[in-house]
Amino acid sequence: MVYIRHLATFQLLGIQFGVSESTANDTFNYWLPILQKLLPSSLVEQVKKKNLTMK
């Protein structure tokens, strides 16, 4: 949820939560399908677009 709200990098999230950048990314991608069902689609689409441009 922090990623969606603040659009922070996975590196920053990893530091904030004490995990590696790849673990932060893996955790987000695990939860993304679940969040898609719970959150308004416009919010999830914004996150997807930002995620694609950062790769």
Protein backbone atom coordinates (compact mmCIF):
# COMPACT_ATOMS: atom_id res chain seq x y z
CA MET A 1 0.00 0.00 0.00
CA VAL A 2 2.92 2.34 0.64
CA TYR A 3 4.07 1.81 -2.95
CA ILE A 4 0.63 2.65 -4.32
CA ARG A 5 0.18 5.69 -2.10
CA HIS A 6 3.64 7.22 -2.49
CA LEU A 7 4.94 5.51 -5.65
CA ALA A 8 8.27 4.98 -3.90
CA THR A 9 10.97 2.85 -5.47
CA PHE A 10 11.33 -0.76 -4.43
CA GLN A 11 14.81 0.07 -3.21
CA LEU A 12 13.39 2.66 -0.81
CA LEU A 13 10.63 0.29 0.30
CA GLY A 14 13.20 -2.41 0.95
CA ILE A 15 15.17 -0.08 3.20
CA GLN A 16 12.02 1.11 4.96
CA PHE A 17 10.81 -2.41 5.72
CA GLY A 18 14.18 -4.09 6.18
CA VAL A 19 14.08 -6.35 3.13
CA SER A 20 15.93 -6.45 -0.18
CA GLU A 21 14.76 -4.51 -3.22
CA SER A 22 13.88 -7.77 -5.00
CA THR A 23 11.85 -8.98 -1.99
CA ALA A 24 9.93 -5.69 -1.95
CA ASN A 25 9.24 -6.08 -5.67
CA ASP A 26 8.25 -9.75 -5.33
CA THR A 27 5.95 -8.94 -2.41
CA PHE A 28 4.22 -6.17 -4.34
CA ASN A 29 3.76 -8.37 -7.41
CA TYR A 30 2.34 -11.14 -5.22
CA TRP A 31 -0.27 -8.76 -3.79
CA LEU A 32 -1.05 -6.88 -7.02
CA PRO A 33 -3.77 -9.29 -8.27
CA ILE A 34 -5.41 -9.19 -4.84
CA LEU A 35 -5.26 -5.40 -4.71
CA GLN A 36 -6.71 -5.20 -8.22
CA LYS A 37 -9.85 -6.86 -6.92
CA LEU A 38 -10.11 -4.54 -3.90
CA LEU A 39 -9.03 -1.12 -5.16
CA PRO A 40 -10.54 1.18 -7.76
CA SER A 41 -9.16 0.26 -11.17
CA SER A 42 -7.95 3.79 -11.88
CA LEU A 43 -5.54 3.65 -8.93
CA VAL A 44 -4.14 0.26 -9.92
CA GLU A 45 -3.72 1.39 -13.55
CA GLN A 46 -1.67 4.40 -12.41
CA VAL A 47 0.66 2.07 -10.52
CA LYS A 48 0.99 -0.29 -13.49
CA LYS A 49 1.91 2.59 -15.84
CA LYS A 50 4.56 3.91 -13.45
CA ASN A 51 5.94 0.42 -12.90
CA LEU A 52 6.31 -0.15 -16.67
CA THR A 53 8.12 3.15 -17.23
CA MET A 54 10.62 2.41 -14.43
CA LYS A 55 11.85 -0.89 -15.98
